[in-house]
Amino acid sequence: NETDHIKKMNAFETYIAIIKGYVGPILLFCTKAFANGGYVWSPCVMLLSGAFTTICALKLVKLGNKLNCYSYGGIVRTILGK
């Protein structure tokens, strides 16, 4: 299996990867989004987006554990093939 040689990240490495992926875009786009969307609507949309993101991430983790495959690319290859 191609995914056997991939090292799993520890908790700290996972935390840093998530923070790195979200902090950059948030810093760039939040100020403009609040200016365009308003101070009431924008937080509501952000909470909804956060809920959807969390649900999707939890489903990916559950699927990865079920398939014994711990990378997104590996999950996609396992499900869809090459």
PDB file of N, CA and C in Angstrom:
ATOM      1  N   ASN A   1       0.840  -1.182   0.000  1.00  0.00           N
ATOM      2  CA  ASN A   1       0.000   0.000   0.000  1.00  0.00           C
ATOM      3  C   ASN A   1       0.885   1.244   0.000  1.00  0.00           C
ATOM      4  N   GLU A   2       0.533   2.235  -0.787  1.00  0.00           N
ATOM      5  CA  GLU A   2       1.341   3.451  -0.924  1.00  0.00           C
ATOM      6  C   GLU A   2       1.321   4.308   0.333  1.00  0.00           C
ATOM      7  N   THR A   3       0.295   4.186   1.158  1.00  0.00           N
ATOM      8  CA  THR A   3       0.172   5.054   2.333  1.00  0.00           C
ATOM      9  C   THR A   3       0.835   4.478   3.568  1.00  0.00           C
ATOM     10  N   ASP A   4       1.426   3.298   3.487  1.00  0.00           N
ATOM     11  CA  ASP A   4       2.055   2.688   4.656  1.00  0.00           C
ATOM     12  C   ASP A   4       3.289   3.449   5.120  1.00  0.00           C
ATOM     13  N   HIS A   5       3.992   4.103   4.226  1.00  0.00           N
ATOM     14  CA  HIS A   5       5.227   4.801   4.585  1.00  0.00           C
ATOM     15  C   HIS A   5       4.987   6.223   5.094  1.00  0.00           C
ATOM     16  N   ILE A   6       3.762   6.698   5.097  1.00  0.00           N
ATOM     17  CA  ILE A   6       3.465   8.064   5.542  1.00  0.00           C
ATOM     18  C   ILE A   6       3.416   8.097   7.064  1.00  0.00           C
ATOM     19  N   LYS A   7       4.214   8.984   7.653  1.00  0.00           N
ATOM     20  CA  LYS A   7       4.271   9.125   9.101  1.00  0.00           C
ATOM     21  C   LYS A   7       3.056   9.919   9.585  1.00  0.00           C
ATOM     22  N   LYS A   8       2.407   9.434  10.628  1.00  0.00           N
ATOM     23  CA  LYS A   8       1.278  10.153  11.195  1.00  0.00           C
ATOM     24  C   LYS A   8       1.785  11.347  11.996  1.00  0.00           C
ATOM     25  N   MET A   9       1.046  12.448  11.940  1.00  0.00           N
ATOM     26  CA  MET A   9       1.415  13.626  12.706  1.00  0.00           C
ATOM     27  C   MET A   9       1.000  13.437  14.161  1.00  0.00           C
ATOM     28  N   ASN A  10       1.802  13.999  15.063  1.00  0.00           N
ATOM     29  CA  ASN A  10       1.392  13.971  16.459  1.00  0.00           C
ATOM     30  C   ASN A  10       0.404  15.115  16.696  1.00  0.00           C
ATOM     31  N   ALA A  11      -0.099  15.252  17.908  1.00  0.00           N
ATOM     32  CA  ALA A  11      -1.136  16.239  18.211  1.00  0.00           C
ATOM     33  C   ALA A  11      -0.651  17.672  17.956  1.00  0.00           C
ATOM     34  N   PHE A  12       0.588  17.975  18.337  1.00  0.00           N
ATOM     35  CA  PHE A  12       1.104  19.327  18.150  1.00  0.00           C
ATOM     36  C   PHE A  12       1.265  19.662  16.670  1.00  0.00           C
ATOM     37  N   GLU A  13       1.788  18.735  15.884  1.00  0.00           N
ATOM     38  CA  GLU A  13       1.945  18.960  14.447  1.00  0.00           C
ATOM     39  C   GLU A  13       0.592  19.146  13.758  1.00  0.00           C
ATOM     40  N   THR A  14      -0.405  18.396  14.194  1.00  0.00           N
ATOM     41  CA  THR A  14      -1.752  18.550  13.645  1.00  0.00           C
ATOM     42  C   THR A  14      -2.312  19.925  13.979  1.00  0.00           C
ATOM     43  N   TYR A  15      -2.123  20.346  15.221  1.00  0.00           N
ATOM     44  CA  TYR A  15      -2.594  21.667  15.651  1.00  0.00           C
ATOM     45  C   TYR A  15      -1.946  22.772  14.812  1.00  0.00           C
ATOM     46  N   ILE A  16      -0.657  22.706  14.620  1.00  0.00           N
ATOM     47  CA  ILE A  16       0.061  23.726  13.842  1.00  0.00           C
ATOM     48  C   ILE A  16      -0.424  23.730  12.392  1.00  0.00           C
ATOM     49  N   ALA A  17      -0.649  22.557  11.806  1.00  0.00           N
ATOM     50  CA  ALA A  17      -1.123  22.479  10.416  1.00  0.00           C
ATOM     51  C   ALA A  17      -2.498  23.117  10.276  1.00  0.00           C
ATOM     52  N   ILE A  18      -3.377  22.874  11.228  1.00  0.00           N
ATOM     53  CA  ILE A  18      -4.718  23.460  11.172  1.00  0.00           C
ATOM     54  C   ILE A  18      -4.650  24.967  11.336  1.00  0.00           C
ATOM     55  N   ILE A  19      -3.879  25.431  12.313  1.00  0.00           N
ATOM     56  CA  ILE A  19      -3.757  26.877  12.545  1.00  0.00           C
ATOM     57  C   ILE A  19      -3.166  27.563  11.318  1.00  0.00           C
ATOM     58  N   LYS A  20      -2.124  26.970  10.755  1.00  0.00           N
ATOM     59  CA  LYS A  20      -1.471  27.558   9.574  1.00  0.00           C
ATOM     60  C   LYS A  20      -2.442  27.664   8.402  1.00  0.00           C
ATOM     61  N   GLY A  21      -3.289  26.658   8.242  1.00  0.00           N
ATOM     62  CA  GLY A  21      -4.229  26.653   7.128  1.00  0.00           C
ATOM     63  C   GLY A  21      -5.368  27.639   7.269  1.00  0.00           C
ATOM     64  N   TYR A  22      -5.713  28.009   8.496  1.00  0.00           N
ATOM     65  CA  TYR A  22      -6.861  28.882   8.703  1.00  0.00           C
ATOM     66  C   TYR A  22      -6.510  30.323   9.049  1.00  0.00           C
ATOM     67  N   VAL A  23      -5.395  30.543   9.719  1.00  0.00           N
ATOM     68  CA  VAL A  23      -5.078  31.897  10.175  1.00  0.00           C
ATOM     69  C   VAL A  23      -4.774  32.836   9.016  1.00  0.00           C
ATOM     70  N   GLY A  24      -4.007  32.383   8.042  1.00  0.00           N
ATOM     71  CA  GLY A  24      -3.654  33.246   6.909  1.00  0.00           C
ATOM     72  C   GLY A  24      -4.870  33.777   6.165  1.00  0.00           C
ATOM     73  N   PRO A  25      -5.739  32.902   5.679  1.00  0.00           N
ATOM     74  CA  PRO A  25      -6.924  33.391   4.972  1.00  0.00           C
ATOM     75  C   PRO A  25      -7.851  34.228   5.852  1.00  0.00           C
ATOM     76  N   ILE A  26      -7.960  33.879   7.122  1.00  0.00           N
ATOM     77  CA  ILE A  26      -8.832  34.654   8.011  1.00  0.00           C
ATOM     78  C   ILE A  26      -8.318  36.083   8.145  1.00  0.00           C
ATOM     79  N   LEU A  27      -7.013  36.215   8.317  1.00  0.00           N
ATOM     80  CA  LEU A  27      -6.452  37.565   8.450  1.00  0.00           C
ATOM     81  C   LEU A  27      -6.648  38.385   7.180  1.00  0.00           C
ATOM     82  N   LEU A  28      -6.572  37.733   6.037  1.00  0.00           N
ATOM     83  CA  LEU A  28      -6.707  38.449   4.776  1.00  0.00           C
ATOM     84  C   LEU A  28      -8.155  38.814   4.440  1.00  0.00           C
ATOM     85  N   PHE A  29      -9.089  37.912   4.694  1.00  0.00           N
ATOM     86  CA  PHE A  29     -10.438  38.086   4.183  1.00  0.00           C
ATOM     87  C   PHE A  29     -11.464  38.572   5.199  1.00  0.00           C
ATOM     88  N   CYS A  30     -11.196  38.413   6.478  1.00  0.00           N
ATOM     89  CA  CYS A  30     -12.216  38.770   7.482  1.00  0.00           C
ATOM     90  C   CYS A  30     -12.543  40.261   7.495  1.00  0.00           C
ATOM     91  N   THR A  31     -11.560  41.077   7.400  1.00  0.00           N
ATOM     92  CA  THR A  31     -11.843  42.510   7.480  1.00  0.00           C
ATOM     93  C   THR A  31     -12.724  42.965   6.317  1.00  0.00           C
ATOM     94  N   LYS A  32     -12.446  42.499   5.141  1.00  0.00           N
ATOM     95  CA  LYS A  32     -13.259  42.856   3.969  1.00  0.00           C
ATOM     96  C   LYS A  32     -14.652  42.233   4.068  1.00  0.00           C
ATOM     97  N   ALA A  33     -14.736  41.019   4.594  1.00  0.00           N
ATOM     98  CA  ALA A  33     -16.035  40.359   4.737  1.00  0.00           C
ATOM     99  C   ALA A  33     -16.919  41.113   5.727  1.00  0.00           C
ATOM    100  N   PHE A  34     -16.344  41.579   6.817  1.00  0.00           N
ATOM    101  CA  PHE A  34     -17.130  42.336   7.785  1.00  0.00           C
ATOM    102  C   PHE A  34     -17.556  43.683   7.211  1.00  0.00           C
ATOM    103  N   ALA A  35     -16.693  44.287   6.423  1.00  0.00           N
ATOM    104  CA  ALA A  35     -17.050  45.563   5.805  1.00  0.00           C
ATOM    105  C   ALA A  35     -18.196  45.393   4.807  1.00  0.00           C
ATOM    106  N   ASN A  36     -18.176  44.303   4.049  1.00  0.00           N
ATOM    107  CA  ASN A  36     -19.219  44.060   3.051  1.00  0.00           C
ATOM    108  C   ASN A  36     -20.492  43.484   3.662  1.00  0.00           C
ATOM    109  N   GLY A  37     -20.344  42.577   4.623  1.00  0.00           N
ATOM    110  CA  GLY A  37     -21.496  41.850   5.138  1.00  0.00           C
ATOM    111  C   GLY A  37     -22.171  42.478   6.339  1.00  0.00           C
ATOM    112  N   GLY A  38     -21.473  43.300   7.059  1.00  0.00           N
ATOM    113  CA  GLY A  38     -22.043  43.901   8.249  1.00  0.00           C
ATOM    114  C   GLY A  38     -21.637  43.153   9.506  1.00  0.00           C
ATOM    115  N   TYR A  39     -21.874  43.796  10.636  1.00  0.00           N
ATOM    116  CA  TYR A  39     -21.415  43.260  11.911  1.00  0.00           C
ATOM    117  C   TYR A  39     -22.396  42.269  12.539  1.00  0.00           C
ATOM    118  N   VAL A  40     -23.561  42.097  11.972  1.00  0.00           N
ATOM    119  CA  VAL A  40     -24.516  41.108  12.486  1.00  0.00           C
ATOM    120  C   VAL A  40     -24.506  39.868  11.592  1.00  0.00           C
ATOM    121  N   TRP A  41     -24.603  40.060  10.300  1.00  0.00           N
ATOM    122  CA  TRP A  41     -24.691  38.946   9.367  1.00  0.00           C
ATOM    123  C   TRP A  41     -23.369  38.178   9.264  1.00  0.00           C
ATOM    124  N   SER A  42     -22.252  38.859   9.245  1.00  0.00           N
ATOM    125  CA  SER A  42     -20.953  38.205   9.069  1.00  0.00           C
ATOM    126  C   SER A  42     -20.637  37.188  10.164  1.00  0.00           C
ATOM    127  N   PRO A  43     -20.833  37.502  11.458  1.00  0.00           N
ATOM    128  CA  PRO A  43     -20.568  36.473  12.477  1.00  0.00           C
ATOM    129  C   PRO A  43     -21.488  35.260  12.345  1.00  0.00           C
ATOM    130  N   CYS A  44     -22.729  35.483  11.943  1.00  0.00           N
ATOM    131  CA  CYS A  44     -23.655  34.355  11.748  1.00  0.00           C
ATOM    132  C   CYS A  44     -23.158  33.434  10.642  1.00  0.00           C
ATOM    133  N   VAL A  45     -22.721  34.014   9.541  1.00  0.00           N
ATOM    134  CA  VAL A  45     -22.208  33.221   8.423  1.00  0.00           C
ATOM    135  C   VAL A  45     -20.909  32.522   8.815  1.00  0.00           C
ATOM    136  N   MET A  46     -20.069  33.197   9.596  1.00  0.00           N
ATOM    137  CA  MET A  46     -18.821  32.578  10.038  1.00  0.00           C
ATOM    138  C   MET A  46     -19.095  31.374  10.945  1.00  0.00           C
ATOM    139  N   LEU A  47     -20.073  31.487  11.833  1.00  0.00           N
ATOM    140  CA  LEU A  47     -20.421  30.356  12.693  1.00  0.00           C
ATOM    141  C   LEU A  47     -20.959  29.183  11.875  1.00  0.00           C
ATOM    142  N   LEU A  48     -21.792  29.479  10.904  1.00  0.00           N
ATOM    143  CA  LEU A  48     -22.333  28.436  10.033  1.00  0.00           C
ATOM    144  C   LEU A  48     -21.211  27.760   9.233  1.00  0.00           C
ATOM    145  N   SER A  49     -20.313  28.555   8.696  1.00  0.00           N
ATOM    146  CA  SER A  49     -19.180  28.013   7.956  1.00  0.00           C
ATOM    147  C   SER A  49     -18.288  27.166   8.856  1.00  0.00           C
ATOM    148  N   GLY A  50     -18.061  27.625  10.071  1.00  0.00           N
ATOM    149  CA  GLY A  50     -17.263  26.854  11.026  1.00  0.00           C
ATOM    150  C   GLY A  50     -17.915  25.522  11.373  1.00  0.00           C
ATOM    151  N   ALA A  51     -19.239  25.531  11.500  1.00  0.00           N
ATOM    152  CA  ALA A  51     -19.962  24.288  11.797  1.00  0.00           C
ATOM    153  C   ALA A  51     -19.821  23.304  10.644  1.00  0.00           C
ATOM    154  N   PHE A  52     -19.994  23.773   9.406  1.00  0.00           N
ATOM    155  CA  PHE A  52     -19.842  22.893   8.240  1.00  0.00           C
ATOM    156  C   PHE A  52     -18.411  22.358   8.126  1.00  0.00           C
ATOM    157  N   THR A  53     -17.434  23.211   8.372  1.00  0.00           N
ATOM    158  CA  THR A  53     -16.039  22.793   8.304  1.00  0.00           C
ATOM    159  C   THR A  53     -15.746  21.717   9.346  1.00  0.00           C
ATOM    160  N   THR A  54     -16.265  21.908  10.552  1.00  0.00           N
ATOM    161  CA  THR A  54     -16.059  20.931  11.617  1.00  0.00           C
ATOM    162  C   THR A  54     -16.705  19.596  11.275  1.00  0.00           C
ATOM    163  N   ILE A  55     -17.918  19.633  10.764  1.00  0.00           N
ATOM    164  CA  ILE A  55     -18.613  18.400  10.379  1.00  0.00           C
ATOM    165  C   ILE A  55     -17.832  17.656   9.300  1.00  0.00           C
ATOM    166  N   CYS A  56     -17.358  18.376   8.292  1.00  0.00           N
ATOM    167  CA  CYS A  56     -16.593  17.747   7.210  1.00  0.00           C
ATOM    168  C   CYS A  56     -15.276  17.165   7.726  1.00  0.00           C
ATOM    169  N   ALA A  57     -14.594  17.896   8.598  1.00  0.00           N
ATOM    170  CA  ALA A  57     -13.329  17.403   9.143  1.00  0.00           C
ATOM    171  C   ALA A  57     -13.549  16.143   9.974  1.00  0.00           C
ATOM    172  N   LEU A  58     -14.599  16.124  10.778  1.00  0.00           N
ATOM    173  CA  LEU A  58     -14.892  14.943  11.591  1.00  0.00           C
ATOM    174  C   LEU A  58     -15.234  13.738  10.712  1.00  0.00           C
ATOM    175  N   LYS A  59     -15.957  13.985   9.626  1.00  0.00           N
ATOM    176  CA  LYS A  59     -16.277  12.885   8.709  1.00  0.00           C
ATOM    177  C   LYS A  59     -15.018  12.355   8.035  1.00  0.00           C
ATOM    178  N   LEU A  60     -14.088  13.231   7.660  1.00  0.00           N
ATOM    179  CA  LEU A  60     -12.833  12.781   7.063  1.00  0.00           C
ATOM    180  C   LEU A  60     -12.009  11.966   8.049  1.00  0.00           C
ATOM    181  N   VAL A  61     -11.968  12.396   9.306  1.00  0.00           N
ATOM    182  CA  VAL A  61     -11.217  11.659  10.319  1.00  0.00           C
ATOM    183  C   VAL A  61     -11.841  10.282  10.541  1.00  0.00           C
ATOM    184  N   LYS A  62     -13.160  10.247  10.620  1.00  0.00           N
ATOM    185  CA  LYS A  62     -13.863   8.968  10.811  1.00  0.00           C
ATOM    186  C   LYS A  62     -13.588   8.022   9.633  1.00  0.00           C
ATOM    187  N   LEU A  63     -13.648   8.536   8.422  1.00  0.00           N
ATOM    188  CA  LEU A  63     -13.382   7.727   7.238  1.00  0.00           C
ATOM    189  C   LEU A  63     -11.933   7.257   7.204  1.00  0.00           C
ATOM    190  N   GLY A  64     -11.013   8.149   7.566  1.00  0.00           N
ATOM    191  CA  GLY A  64      -9.597   7.770   7.607  1.00  0.00           C
ATOM    192  C   GLY A  64      -9.337   6.657   8.602  1.00  0.00           C
ATOM    193  N   ASN A  65      -9.977   6.722   9.758  1.00  0.00           N
ATOM    194  CA  ASN A  65      -9.825   5.652  10.746  1.00  0.00           C
ATOM    195  C   ASN A  65     -10.435   4.352  10.251  1.00  0.00           C
ATOM    196  N   LYS A  66     -11.578   4.440   9.580  1.00  0.00           N
ATOM    197  CA  LYS A  66     -12.237   3.241   9.065  1.00  0.00           C
ATOM    198  C   LYS A  66     -11.396   2.571   7.974  1.00  0.00           C
ATOM    199  N   LEU A  67     -10.780   3.374   7.100  1.00  0.00           N
ATOM    200  CA  LEU A  67      -9.975   2.845   5.999  1.00  0.00           C
ATOM    201  C   LEU A  67      -8.528   2.587   6.393  1.00  0.00           C
ATOM    202  N   ASN A  68      -8.164   2.972   7.630  1.00  0.00           N
ATOM    203  CA  ASN A  68      -6.785   2.872   8.099  1.00  0.00           C
ATOM    204  C   ASN A  68      -5.846   3.631   7.165  1.00  0.00           C
ATOM    205  N   CYS A  69      -6.257   4.818   6.781  1.00  0.00           N
ATOM    206  CA  CYS A  69      -5.532   5.678   5.855  1.00  0.00           C
ATOM    207  C   CYS A  69      -5.560   7.088   6.436  1.00  0.00           C
ATOM    208  N   TYR A  70      -4.382   7.669   6.673  1.00  0.00           N
ATOM    209  CA  TYR A  70      -4.337   8.891   7.466  1.00  0.00           C
ATOM    210  C   TYR A  70      -3.885  10.130   6.694  1.00  0.00           C
ATOM    211  N   SER A  71      -4.053  10.143   5.397  1.00  0.00           N
ATOM    212  CA  SER A  71      -3.788  11.351   4.626  1.00  0.00           C
ATOM    213  C   SER A  71      -4.951  11.567   3.667  1.00  0.00           C
ATOM    214  N   TYR A  72      -5.208  12.818   3.351  1.00  0.00           N
ATOM    215  CA  TYR A  72      -6.320  13.120   2.451  1.00  0.00           C
ATOM    216  C   TYR A  72      -6.099  12.492   1.081  1.00  0.00           C
ATOM    217  N   GLY A  73      -4.880  12.595   0.572  1.00  0.00           N
ATOM    218  CA  GLY A  73      -4.565  11.994  -0.718  1.00  0.00           C
ATOM    219  C   GLY A  73      -4.757  10.488  -0.701  1.00  0.00           C
ATOM    220  N   GLY A  74      -4.371   9.852   0.390  1.00  0.00           N
ATOM    221  CA  GLY A  74      -4.551   8.418   0.512  1.00  0.00           C
ATOM    222  C   GLY A  74      -6.014   8.018   0.546  1.00  0.00           C
ATOM    223  N   ILE A  75      -6.823   8.811   1.242  1.00  0.00           N
ATOM    224  CA  ILE A  75      -8.264   8.539   1.301  1.00  0.00           C
ATOM    225  C   ILE A  75      -8.871   8.656  -0.095  1.00  0.00           C
ATOM    226  N   VAL A  76      -8.506   9.697  -0.820  1.00  0.00           N
ATOM    227  CA  VAL A  76      -9.046   9.907  -2.163  1.00  0.00           C
ATOM    228  C   VAL A  76      -8.623   8.771  -3.084  1.00  0.00           C
ATOM    229  N   ARG A  77      -7.335   8.373  -3.017  1.00  0.00           N
ATOM    230  CA  ARG A  77      -6.855   7.258  -3.845  1.00  0.00           C
ATOM    231  C   ARG A  77      -7.577   5.965  -3.503  1.00  0.00           C
ATOM    232  N   THR A  78      -7.834   5.735  -2.208  1.00  0.00           N
ATOM    233  CA  THR A  78      -8.514   4.511  -1.805  1.00  0.00           C
ATOM    234  C   THR A  78      -9.950   4.494  -2.310  1.00  0.00           C
ATOM    235  N   ILE A  79     -10.630   5.620  -2.235  1.00  0.00           N
ATOM    236  CA  ILE A  79     -12.035   5.689  -2.630  1.00  0.00           C
ATOM    237  C   ILE A  79     -12.190   5.718  -4.147  1.00  0.00           C
ATOM    238  N   LEU A  80     -11.426   6.586  -4.822  1.00  0.00           N
ATOM    239  CA  LEU A  80     -11.626   6.812  -6.253  1.00  0.00           C
ATOM    240  C   LEU A  80     -10.663   6.031  -7.144  1.00  0.00           C
ATOM    241  N   GLY A  81      -9.569   5.550  -6.592  1.00  0.00           N
ATOM    242  CA  GLY A  81      -8.554   4.890  -7.425  1.00  0.00           C
ATOM    243  C   GLY A  81      -7.616   5.914  -8.034  1.00  0.00           C
ATOM    244  N   LYS A  82      -6.682   5.412  -8.845  1.00  0.00           N
ATOM    245  CA  LYS A  82      -5.694   6.323  -9.448  1.00  0.00           C
ATOM    246  C   LYS A  82      -6.300   7.091 -10.597  1.00  0.00           C
TER     247      LYS A  82
END
